[in-house]
C-alpha cells in the first residue's frame, strides 16, 4: 500500500482549497470594516415597547456576550414576549451604517425577531411579509435612524453590500438583513 497521494487527490485538494479561498474572500461583511480597539456602541429605541438601549456590544474585535444578550432581549417579538439569538452581523451593519452617515443618533426598531406565530399573523393582515422571513431566523431588522431621511438610510445600507435592503416608504422604515446581497423598493 502506497502512502504517496495520487495526482488526482492532490488536484482535488488544491481545487477545494481554491474554492474555499474564493468563497471566504467574497463573504466580506460589515464586521470586517470595524477596526481593532474600536468601541462599538449602539443606541436603540424599540417603537413598540418604548424601551431604550445604549450598549457597547463589541470591543477590540470581540463581541461582548452580555451585551449581545441585552440586544437579543431588546429585539424580541413583543407580541409573544419571545426572544432569540440574533445574528450579530446585524449589529455590525447598524454600526457601519451610522459610520457611513456620520451619525450617533438612535436607531428606532420597528421589528426585530418575529416568532412564527407573529409572522403568520402579519402575513394574513399585511402585504410584503415573507413566509420564510429573515425576521423569524433572527437575521433581519426594520429600522429608522433619527434625523436621517429613509432614502439616505437605504443608500448607506446598500453601500455596505452586507445583505438585503428594502425600503417601505409607506410604512416609514428600511429593512436590513444578513441574507444574500439584494435590494428592493425605491
N, C-alpha and C. Protein backbone atom coordinates (compact mmCIF):
# COMPACT_ATOMS: atom_id res chain seq x y z
N UNK A 1 0.85 -1.18 0.00
CA UNK A 1 0.00 0.00 0.00
C UNK A 1 0.89 1.24 0.00
N UNK A 2 0.64 2.14 -0.92
CA UNK A 2 1.45 3.34 -1.05
C UNK A 2 0.88 4.47 -0.20
N UNK A 3 1.77 5.17 0.49
CA UNK A 3 1.35 6.34 1.26
C UNK A 3 1.47 7.61 0.42
N UNK A 4 1.93 7.48 -0.81
CA UNK A 4 2.04 8.62 -1.71
C UNK A 4 0.65 9.01 -2.21
N UNK A 5 0.24 10.29 -2.07
CA UNK A 5 -1.06 10.69 -2.59
C UNK A 5 -1.05 10.69 -4.12
N UNK A 6 -2.17 10.30 -4.68
CA UNK A 6 -2.27 10.29 -6.14
C UNK A 6 -2.36 11.72 -6.66
N UNK A 7 -2.04 11.88 -7.94
CA UNK A 7 -2.13 13.20 -8.55
C UNK A 7 -3.57 13.70 -8.53
N UNK A 8 -4.52 12.79 -8.73
CA UNK A 8 -5.95 13.15 -8.71
C UNK A 8 -6.35 13.70 -7.33
N UNK A 9 -5.89 13.05 -6.25
CA UNK A 9 -6.20 13.51 -4.90
C UNK A 9 -5.59 14.89 -4.64
N UNK A 10 -4.35 15.07 -5.07
CA UNK A 10 -3.70 16.38 -4.90
C UNK A 10 -4.46 17.47 -5.65
N UNK A 11 -4.91 17.17 -6.87
CA UNK A 11 -5.66 18.16 -7.64
C UNK A 11 -7.00 18.48 -6.98
N UNK A 12 -7.67 17.45 -6.44
CA UNK A 12 -8.94 17.68 -5.74
C UNK A 12 -8.73 18.58 -4.53
N UNK A 13 -7.68 18.31 -3.77
CA UNK A 13 -7.40 19.13 -2.58
C UNK A 13 -7.08 20.57 -2.97
N UNK A 14 -6.28 20.73 -4.02
CA UNK A 14 -5.92 22.08 -4.47
C UNK A 14 -7.16 22.83 -4.94
N UNK A 15 -8.02 22.15 -5.70
CA UNK A 15 -9.25 22.78 -6.18
C UNK A 15 -10.16 23.14 -5.01
N UNK A 16 -10.29 22.23 -4.05
CA UNK A 16 -11.12 22.51 -2.87
C UNK A 16 -10.60 23.70 -2.10
N UNK A 17 -9.30 23.80 -1.95
CA UNK A 17 -8.70 24.94 -1.25
C UNK A 17 -8.94 26.24 -1.99
N UNK A 18 -8.83 26.21 -3.32
CA UNK A 18 -9.07 27.42 -4.12
C UNK A 18 -10.52 27.88 -4.01
N UNK A 19 -11.46 26.92 -4.04
CA UNK A 19 -12.88 27.27 -3.92
C UNK A 19 -13.15 27.87 -2.54
N UNK A 20 -12.60 27.26 -1.50
CA UNK A 20 -12.78 27.78 -0.14
C UNK A 20 -12.23 29.19 -0.02
N UNK A 21 -11.04 29.42 -0.56
CA UNK A 21 -10.44 30.75 -0.51
C UNK A 21 -11.30 31.76 -1.25
N UNK A 22 -11.81 31.39 -2.41
CA UNK A 22 -12.67 32.30 -3.19
C UNK A 22 -13.95 32.63 -2.43
N UNK A 23 -14.56 31.63 -1.83
CA UNK A 23 -15.80 31.87 -1.08
C UNK A 23 -15.54 32.76 0.12
N UNK A 24 -14.46 32.51 0.84
CA UNK A 24 -14.15 33.32 2.01
C UNK A 24 -13.86 34.77 1.63
N UNK A 25 -13.21 35.00 0.51
CA UNK A 25 -12.91 36.37 0.12
C UNK A 25 -14.15 37.10 -0.37
N UNK A 26 -15.15 36.38 -0.85
CA UNK A 26 -16.40 37.00 -1.31
C UNK A 26 -17.31 37.37 -0.16
N UNK A 27 -17.14 36.77 0.99
CA UNK A 27 -18.08 37.00 2.08
C UNK A 27 -17.60 38.08 3.04
N UNK A 28 -17.02 39.14 2.49
CA UNK A 28 -16.64 40.28 3.33
C UNK A 28 -17.91 40.87 3.92
N UNK A 29 -17.86 41.22 5.17
CA UNK A 29 -19.05 41.71 5.86
C UNK A 29 -18.78 43.06 6.49
N UNK A 30 -19.84 43.61 7.05
CA UNK A 30 -19.69 44.87 7.79
C UNK A 30 -18.68 44.70 8.92
N UNK A 31 -18.60 43.50 9.49
CA UNK A 31 -17.68 43.26 10.60
C UNK A 31 -16.24 43.48 10.19
N UNK A 32 -15.91 43.18 8.93
CA UNK A 32 -14.52 43.31 8.50
C UNK A 32 -14.07 44.76 8.43
N UNK A 33 -15.01 45.71 8.38
CA UNK A 33 -14.65 47.12 8.32
C UNK A 33 -14.36 47.70 9.70
N UNK A 34 -14.78 47.01 10.74
CA UNK A 34 -14.59 47.52 12.10
C UNK A 34 -13.15 47.28 12.54
N UNK A 35 -12.51 48.34 12.98
CA UNK A 35 -11.09 48.28 13.35
C UNK A 35 -10.90 47.68 14.74
N UNK A 36 -9.72 47.12 14.92
CA UNK A 36 -9.33 46.66 16.26
C UNK A 36 -9.30 47.85 17.21
N UNK A 37 -9.50 47.60 18.46
CA UNK A 37 -9.51 48.60 19.52
C UNK A 37 -10.68 49.57 19.41
N UNK A 38 -11.57 49.31 18.49
CA UNK A 38 -12.72 50.19 18.34
C UNK A 38 -13.80 49.81 19.34
N UNK A 39 -14.42 50.82 19.92
CA UNK A 39 -15.54 50.64 20.84
C UNK A 39 -16.82 50.78 20.02
N UNK A 40 -17.52 49.70 19.83
CA UNK A 40 -18.73 49.70 19.00
C UNK A 40 -19.96 49.84 19.90
N UNK A 41 -20.57 51.01 19.83
CA UNK A 41 -21.72 51.34 20.67
C UNK A 41 -22.94 51.55 19.78
N UNK A 42 -24.08 51.01 20.22
CA UNK A 42 -25.36 51.23 19.52
C UNK A 42 -26.36 51.84 20.48
N UNK A 43 -27.19 52.72 19.93
CA UNK A 43 -28.32 53.30 20.67
C UNK A 43 -29.59 52.89 19.94
N UNK A 44 -30.45 52.17 20.65
CA UNK A 44 -31.68 51.66 20.05
C UNK A 44 -32.89 52.10 20.86
N UNK A 45 -33.99 52.30 20.16
CA UNK A 45 -35.28 52.58 20.80
C UNK A 45 -36.31 51.67 20.15
N UNK A 46 -36.94 50.82 20.94
CA UNK A 46 -37.97 49.92 20.43
C UNK A 46 -39.28 50.70 20.36
N UNK A 47 -39.84 50.82 19.15
CA UNK A 47 -41.04 51.65 18.97
C UNK A 47 -42.29 51.03 19.57
N UNK A 48 -42.27 49.74 19.87
CA UNK A 48 -43.45 49.07 20.43
C UNK A 48 -43.41 48.99 21.95
N UNK A 49 -42.24 48.73 22.51
CA UNK A 49 -42.13 48.59 23.97
C UNK A 49 -41.68 49.90 24.63
N UNK A 50 -41.22 50.84 23.82
CA UNK A 50 -40.70 52.14 24.29
C UNK A 50 -39.44 51.99 25.15
N UNK A 51 -38.79 50.84 25.05
CA UNK A 51 -37.53 50.63 25.77
C UNK A 51 -36.38 51.27 24.99
N UNK A 52 -35.43 51.80 25.74
CA UNK A 52 -34.22 52.41 25.18
C UNK A 52 -33.03 51.53 25.56
N UNK A 53 -32.06 51.44 24.66
CA UNK A 53 -30.86 50.67 24.96
C UNK A 53 -29.66 51.41 24.39
N UNK A 54 -28.66 51.62 25.22
CA UNK A 54 -27.40 52.22 24.83
C UNK A 54 -26.34 51.21 25.25
N UNK A 55 -25.70 50.53 24.30
CA UNK A 55 -24.89 49.38 24.66
C UNK A 55 -23.58 49.31 23.86
N UNK A 56 -22.49 49.05 24.59
CA UNK A 56 -21.21 48.71 23.98
C UNK A 56 -21.28 47.21 23.69
N UNK A 57 -21.38 46.84 22.42
CA UNK A 57 -21.59 45.42 22.09
C UNK A 57 -20.34 44.72 21.58
N UNK A 58 -19.31 45.52 21.22
CA UNK A 58 -18.10 44.92 20.65
C UNK A 58 -16.92 45.82 20.98
N UNK A 59 -15.82 45.18 21.39
CA UNK A 59 -14.61 45.94 21.68
C UNK A 59 -13.41 45.11 21.26
N UNK A 60 -12.46 45.78 20.62
CA UNK A 60 -11.23 45.12 20.19
C UNK A 60 -11.54 43.91 19.30
N UNK A 61 -12.57 44.06 18.46
CA UNK A 61 -12.93 43.00 17.53
C UNK A 61 -13.69 41.84 18.14
N UNK A 62 -14.02 41.92 19.43
CA UNK A 62 -14.70 40.82 20.12
C UNK A 62 -16.09 41.25 20.57
N UNK A 63 -17.07 40.40 20.27
CA UNK A 63 -18.42 40.65 20.77
C UNK A 63 -18.43 40.45 22.29
N UNK A 64 -19.26 41.22 22.96
CA UNK A 64 -19.41 41.13 24.42
C UNK A 64 -20.69 40.34 24.69
N UNK A 65 -20.56 39.09 25.19
CA UNK A 65 -21.73 38.21 25.32
C UNK A 65 -22.91 38.82 26.09
N UNK A 66 -22.64 39.49 27.21
CA UNK A 66 -23.74 40.08 27.99
C UNK A 66 -24.46 41.16 27.18
N UNK A 67 -23.73 41.89 26.38
CA UNK A 67 -24.34 42.93 25.54
C UNK A 67 -25.18 42.31 24.44
N UNK A 68 -24.70 41.21 23.87
CA UNK A 68 -25.50 40.52 22.84
C UNK A 68 -26.80 40.02 23.45
N UNK A 69 -26.75 39.51 24.68
CA UNK A 69 -27.98 39.08 25.37
C UNK A 69 -28.95 40.24 25.52
N UNK A 70 -28.44 41.40 25.90
CA UNK A 70 -29.30 42.58 26.06
C UNK A 70 -29.92 42.99 24.72
N UNK A 71 -29.12 42.94 23.65
CA UNK A 71 -29.64 43.27 22.32
C UNK A 71 -30.71 42.27 21.89
N UNK A 72 -30.46 40.98 22.12
CA UNK A 72 -31.45 39.95 21.77
C UNK A 72 -32.77 40.22 22.47
N UNK A 73 -32.72 40.56 23.75
CA UNK A 73 -33.94 40.83 24.50
C UNK A 73 -34.63 42.09 23.97
N UNK A 74 -33.87 43.11 23.68
CA UNK A 74 -34.43 44.37 23.17
C UNK A 74 -35.15 44.15 21.84
N UNK A 75 -34.66 43.20 21.05
CA UNK A 75 -35.20 42.95 19.71
C UNK A 75 -36.21 41.80 19.70
N UNK A 76 -36.70 41.42 20.86
CA UNK A 76 -37.63 40.29 20.98
C UNK A 76 -38.94 40.57 20.25
N UNK A 77 -39.69 39.50 20.02
CA UNK A 77 -41.05 39.59 19.48
C UNK A 77 -41.92 40.11 20.63
N UNK A 78 -42.33 41.36 20.54
CA UNK A 78 -43.09 41.97 21.65
C UNK A 78 -44.50 41.40 21.76
N UNK A 79 -45.03 40.84 20.67
CA UNK A 79 -46.38 40.28 20.73
C UNK A 79 -46.41 38.98 21.54
N UNK A 80 -45.36 38.18 21.40
CA UNK A 80 -45.28 36.90 22.10
C UNK A 80 -44.33 36.96 23.31
N UNK A 81 -43.66 38.09 23.48
CA UNK A 81 -42.62 38.25 24.50
C UNK A 81 -41.59 37.12 24.43
N UNK A 82 -41.14 36.88 23.20
CA UNK A 82 -40.21 35.79 22.91
C UNK A 82 -38.94 36.37 22.31
N UNK A 83 -37.80 35.95 22.82
CA UNK A 83 -36.51 36.40 22.28
C UNK A 83 -35.78 35.22 21.67
N UNK A 84 -34.81 35.53 20.83
CA UNK A 84 -33.92 34.50 20.29
C UNK A 84 -32.57 35.14 20.02
N UNK A 85 -31.59 34.33 19.79
CA UNK A 85 -30.26 34.83 19.46
C UNK A 85 -30.32 35.47 18.08
N UNK A 86 -29.95 36.74 18.01
CA UNK A 86 -29.92 37.47 16.75
C UNK A 86 -28.54 37.34 16.12
N UNK A 87 -28.49 37.43 14.81
CA UNK A 87 -27.22 37.39 14.09
C UNK A 87 -26.44 38.66 14.42
N UNK A 88 -25.27 38.55 15.06
CA UNK A 88 -24.52 39.75 15.43
C UNK A 88 -24.06 40.59 14.24
N UNK A 89 -24.06 40.00 13.05
CA UNK A 89 -23.73 40.77 11.85
C UNK A 89 -24.71 41.93 11.67
N UNK A 90 -25.95 41.77 12.15
CA UNK A 90 -26.92 42.87 12.08
C UNK A 90 -26.42 44.07 12.86
N UNK A 91 -25.83 43.82 14.02
CA UNK A 91 -25.34 44.91 14.85
C UNK A 91 -24.17 45.62 14.17
N UNK A 92 -23.33 44.82 13.51
CA UNK A 92 -22.23 45.41 12.75
C UNK A 92 -22.76 46.25 11.59
N UNK A 93 -23.84 45.79 10.95
CA UNK A 93 -24.44 46.59 9.88
C UNK A 93 -24.93 47.93 10.43
N UNK A 94 -25.63 47.90 11.56
CA UNK A 94 -26.12 49.14 12.15
C UNK A 94 -24.95 50.09 12.45
N UNK A 95 -23.92 49.54 13.05
CA UNK A 95 -22.76 50.35 13.41
C UNK A 95 -22.12 50.99 12.17
N UNK A 96 -21.96 50.20 11.12
CA UNK A 96 -21.34 50.71 9.89
C UNK A 96 -22.25 51.70 9.16
N UNK A 97 -23.56 51.49 9.22
CA UNK A 97 -24.49 52.46 8.63
C UNK A 97 -24.32 53.81 9.32
N UNK A 98 -24.25 53.80 10.64
CA UNK A 98 -24.04 55.05 11.38
C UNK A 98 -22.73 55.72 10.96
N UNK A 99 -21.70 54.93 10.81
CA UNK A 99 -20.40 55.48 10.43
C UNK A 99 -20.49 56.11 9.03
N UNK A 100 -21.10 55.40 8.10
CA UNK A 100 -21.23 55.94 6.74
C UNK A 100 -22.00 57.25 6.72
N UNK A 101 -23.00 57.35 7.58
CA UNK A 101 -23.85 58.55 7.62
C UNK A 101 -23.31 59.63 8.56
N UNK A 102 -22.25 59.33 9.29
CA UNK A 102 -21.70 60.29 10.24
C UNK A 102 -22.66 60.62 11.36
N UNK A 103 -23.41 59.61 11.81
CA UNK A 103 -24.46 59.82 12.81
C UNK A 103 -24.14 59.08 14.10
N UNK A 104 -24.57 59.65 15.20
CA UNK A 104 -24.53 58.98 16.50
C UNK A 104 -25.95 58.89 17.06
N UNK A 105 -26.93 59.13 16.19
CA UNK A 105 -28.33 59.15 16.62
C UNK A 105 -28.84 57.73 16.90
N UNK A 106 -30.02 57.68 17.45
CA UNK A 106 -30.65 56.43 17.88
C UNK A 106 -31.36 55.75 16.72
N UNK A 107 -31.17 54.42 16.63
CA UNK A 107 -31.95 53.62 15.69
C UNK A 107 -33.29 53.31 16.33
N UNK A 108 -34.35 53.54 15.60
CA UNK A 108 -35.69 53.14 16.04
C UNK A 108 -35.96 51.77 15.45
N UNK A 109 -36.29 50.83 16.31
CA UNK A 109 -36.55 49.45 15.89
C UNK A 109 -38.05 49.26 15.73
N UNK A 110 -38.46 48.99 14.50
CA UNK A 110 -39.87 48.73 14.22
C UNK A 110 -40.14 47.23 14.37
N UNK A 111 -39.19 46.42 13.89
CA UNK A 111 -39.33 44.97 14.00
C UNK A 111 -37.96 44.33 14.07
N UNK A 112 -37.80 43.40 15.00
CA UNK A 112 -36.59 42.60 15.12
C UNK A 112 -36.97 41.15 14.90
N UNK A 113 -36.77 40.34 15.93
CA UNK A 113 -37.16 38.94 15.85
C UNK A 113 -38.68 38.83 15.78
N UNK A 114 -39.15 37.86 14.97
CA UNK A 114 -40.58 37.52 14.92
C UNK A 114 -40.73 36.02 15.10
N UNK A 115 -41.59 35.63 16.00
CA UNK A 115 -41.93 34.21 16.13
C UNK A 115 -42.73 33.80 14.89
N UNK A 116 -42.83 32.51 14.66
CA UNK A 116 -43.64 32.02 13.53
C UNK A 116 -45.09 32.46 13.69
N UNK A 117 -45.60 32.45 14.92
CA UNK A 117 -46.98 32.87 15.19
C UNK A 117 -47.20 34.31 14.75
N UNK A 118 -46.30 35.19 15.15
CA UNK A 118 -46.42 36.60 14.77
C UNK A 118 -46.24 36.77 13.28
N UNK A 119 -45.28 36.08 12.69
CA UNK A 119 -45.05 36.22 11.25
C UNK A 119 -46.28 35.80 10.46
N UNK A 120 -46.91 34.69 10.85
CA UNK A 120 -48.12 34.24 10.15
C UNK A 120 -49.26 35.23 10.32
N UNK A 121 -49.42 35.79 11.50
CA UNK A 121 -50.45 36.80 11.73
C UNK A 121 -50.21 38.01 10.83
N UNK A 122 -48.97 38.47 10.75
CA UNK A 122 -48.65 39.61 9.90
C UNK A 122 -48.85 39.30 8.42
N UNK A 123 -48.56 38.07 8.02
CA UNK A 123 -48.79 37.68 6.62
C UNK A 123 -50.26 37.75 6.27
N UNK A 124 -51.13 37.40 7.22
CA UNK A 124 -52.57 37.44 6.97
C UNK A 124 -53.11 38.87 6.93
N UNK A 125 -52.48 39.78 7.67
CA UNK A 125 -53.03 41.13 7.81
C UNK A 125 -52.25 42.21 7.06
N UNK A 126 -51.08 41.90 6.52
CA UNK A 126 -50.25 42.91 5.85
C UNK A 126 -49.70 42.34 4.55
N UNK A 127 -49.36 43.24 3.65
CA UNK A 127 -48.68 42.79 2.43
C UNK A 127 -47.17 42.93 2.65
N UNK A 128 -46.40 42.19 1.89
CA UNK A 128 -44.95 42.32 1.96
C UNK A 128 -44.27 41.54 3.07
N UNK A 129 -45.00 40.65 3.74
CA UNK A 129 -44.39 39.83 4.80
C UNK A 129 -44.09 38.45 4.21
N UNK A 130 -42.83 38.09 4.18
CA UNK A 130 -42.41 36.83 3.57
C UNK A 130 -42.71 35.64 4.47
N UNK A 131 -43.09 34.52 3.85
CA UNK A 131 -43.35 33.29 4.60
C UNK A 131 -42.09 32.83 5.34
N UNK A 132 -40.97 32.86 4.64
CA UNK A 132 -39.69 32.45 5.24
C UNK A 132 -38.87 33.69 5.58
N UNK A 133 -39.46 34.58 6.33
CA UNK A 133 -38.85 35.86 6.67
C UNK A 133 -37.53 35.69 7.43
N UNK A 134 -36.58 36.54 7.10
CA UNK A 134 -35.33 36.57 7.86
C UNK A 134 -35.56 37.02 9.30
N UNK A 135 -36.68 37.69 9.57
CA UNK A 135 -37.01 38.08 10.94
C UNK A 135 -37.17 36.83 11.82
N UNK A 136 -37.78 35.78 11.28
CA UNK A 136 -38.02 34.54 12.02
C UNK A 136 -36.69 33.86 12.36
N UNK A 137 -35.70 34.06 11.53
CA UNK A 137 -34.38 33.44 11.73
C UNK A 137 -33.47 34.30 12.61
N UNK A 138 -33.95 35.47 13.02
CA UNK A 138 -33.10 36.37 13.81
C UNK A 138 -32.04 37.04 12.96
N UNK A 139 -32.36 37.24 11.68
CA UNK A 139 -31.39 37.81 10.74
C UNK A 139 -31.89 39.09 10.07
N UNK A 140 -32.90 39.75 10.63
CA UNK A 140 -33.44 40.96 9.98
C UNK A 140 -33.93 41.97 11.00
N UNK A 141 -33.88 43.22 10.59
CA UNK A 141 -34.41 44.34 11.37
C UNK A 141 -35.14 45.29 10.44
N UNK A 142 -36.21 45.89 10.92
CA UNK A 142 -36.86 47.01 10.25
C UNK A 142 -36.56 48.23 11.11
N UNK A 143 -35.98 49.25 10.48
CA UNK A 143 -35.38 50.35 11.25
C UNK A 143 -35.66 51.73 10.65
N UNK A 144 -35.49 52.72 11.49
CA UNK A 144 -35.32 54.12 11.10
C UNK A 144 -34.11 54.62 11.90
N UNK A 145 -33.49 55.67 11.41
CA UNK A 145 -32.41 56.33 12.15
C UNK A 145 -32.84 57.77 12.36
N UNK A 146 -32.95 58.17 13.62
CA UNK A 146 -33.42 59.51 13.93
C UNK A 146 -32.61 60.56 13.17
N UNK A 147 -33.32 61.58 12.68
CA UNK A 147 -32.73 62.71 11.95
C UNK A 147 -32.10 62.32 10.62
N UNK A 148 -32.49 61.18 10.06
CA UNK A 148 -31.94 60.72 8.78
C UNK A 148 -33.08 60.35 7.85
N UNK A 149 -33.11 60.92 6.64
CA UNK A 149 -34.14 60.53 5.67
C UNK A 149 -34.03 59.04 5.33
N UNK A 150 -35.18 58.40 5.11
CA UNK A 150 -35.18 56.97 4.76
C UNK A 150 -34.31 56.70 3.54
N UNK A 151 -34.35 57.59 2.56
CA UNK A 151 -33.57 57.36 1.33
C UNK A 151 -32.07 57.32 1.63
N UNK A 152 -31.60 58.15 2.55
CA UNK A 152 -30.18 58.13 2.92
C UNK A 152 -29.84 56.86 3.70
N UNK A 153 -30.74 56.46 4.59
CA UNK A 153 -30.54 55.23 5.36
C UNK A 153 -30.46 54.03 4.43
N UNK A 154 -31.39 53.96 3.48
CA UNK A 154 -31.41 52.87 2.50
C UNK A 154 -30.10 52.84 1.71
N UNK A 155 -29.67 54.01 1.22
CA UNK A 155 -28.47 54.05 0.39
C UNK A 155 -27.24 53.62 1.18
N UNK A 156 -27.13 54.04 2.42
CA UNK A 156 -25.99 53.62 3.25
C UNK A 156 -25.99 52.10 3.43
N UNK A 157 -27.17 51.52 3.66
CA UNK A 157 -27.26 50.06 3.83
C UNK A 157 -26.90 49.35 2.53
N UNK A 158 -27.34 49.88 1.40
CA UNK A 158 -26.98 49.28 0.10
C UNK A 158 -25.48 49.38 -0.12
N UNK A 159 -24.90 50.52 0.20
CA UNK A 159 -23.45 50.71 0.01
C UNK A 159 -22.62 49.71 0.80
N UNK A 160 -23.13 49.24 1.92
CA UNK A 160 -22.41 48.24 2.72
C UNK A 160 -22.24 46.91 1.98
N UNK A 161 -23.23 46.57 1.15
CA UNK A 161 -23.20 45.28 0.46
C UNK A 161 -23.06 44.12 1.45
N UNK A 162 -23.85 44.18 2.54
CA UNK A 162 -23.73 43.18 3.60
C UNK A 162 -24.96 42.30 3.74
N UNK A 163 -25.96 42.47 2.87
CA UNK A 163 -27.18 41.67 2.96
C UNK A 163 -28.31 42.34 2.21
N UNK A 164 -29.53 41.95 2.54
CA UNK A 164 -30.70 42.50 1.88
C UNK A 164 -31.09 43.85 2.45
N UNK A 165 -31.61 44.72 1.56
CA UNK A 165 -32.05 46.05 1.96
C UNK A 165 -33.34 46.36 1.20
N UNK A 166 -34.37 46.73 1.94
CA UNK A 166 -35.62 47.13 1.31
C UNK A 166 -36.15 48.39 1.96
N UNK A 167 -36.77 49.24 1.17
CA UNK A 167 -37.37 50.44 1.73
C UNK A 167 -38.88 50.31 1.62
N UNK A 168 -39.55 50.65 2.69
CA UNK A 168 -41.01 50.62 2.75
C UNK A 168 -41.45 52.03 3.14
N UNK A 169 -41.48 52.92 2.14
CA UNK A 169 -41.77 54.33 2.38
C UNK A 169 -43.14 54.52 3.00
N UNK A 170 -44.13 53.75 2.55
CA UNK A 170 -45.48 53.87 3.08
C UNK A 170 -45.56 53.53 4.56
N UNK A 171 -44.69 52.63 5.00
CA UNK A 171 -44.65 52.24 6.41
C UNK A 171 -43.53 52.95 7.17
N UNK A 172 -42.74 53.75 6.45
CA UNK A 172 -41.71 54.59 7.06
C UNK A 172 -40.60 53.79 7.75
N UNK A 173 -40.04 52.79 7.04
CA UNK A 173 -38.88 52.08 7.58
C UNK A 173 -38.05 51.47 6.47
N UNK A 174 -36.83 51.09 6.84
CA UNK A 174 -35.92 50.36 5.97
C UNK A 174 -35.69 48.99 6.59
N UNK A 175 -35.74 47.96 5.76
CA UNK A 175 -35.46 46.58 6.18
C UNK A 175 -34.00 46.29 5.87
N UNK A 176 -33.28 45.69 6.82
CA UNK A 176 -31.94 45.16 6.56
C UNK A 176 -31.91 43.72 7.04
N UNK A 177 -31.12 42.89 6.35
CA UNK A 177 -30.95 41.50 6.80
C UNK A 177 -29.56 41.02 6.44
N UNK A 178 -29.22 39.83 6.93
CA UNK A 178 -27.90 39.25 6.69
C UNK A 178 -27.97 38.14 5.66
N UNK A 179 -29.02 38.14 4.85
CA UNK A 179 -29.13 37.19 3.76
C UNK A 179 -28.26 37.64 2.58
N UNK A 180 -28.55 37.08 1.40
CA UNK A 180 -27.79 37.47 0.20
C UNK A 180 -27.93 38.97 -0.08
N UNK A 181 -26.91 39.53 -0.71
CA UNK A 181 -26.94 40.95 -1.08
C UNK A 181 -27.97 41.14 -2.18
N UNK A 182 -28.95 42.02 -1.90
CA UNK A 182 -30.00 42.36 -2.86
C UNK A 182 -30.70 43.59 -2.30
N UNK A 183 -31.48 44.27 -3.13
CA UNK A 183 -32.26 45.41 -2.62
C UNK A 183 -33.52 45.58 -3.44
N UNK A 184 -34.52 46.22 -2.82
CA UNK A 184 -35.81 46.43 -3.45
C UNK A 184 -36.44 47.71 -2.91
N UNK A 185 -37.46 48.16 -3.62
CA UNK A 185 -38.16 49.38 -3.23
C UNK A 185 -37.41 50.61 -3.70
N UNK A 186 -38.11 51.73 -3.70
CA UNK A 186 -37.45 52.99 -4.11
C UNK A 186 -38.05 54.17 -3.38
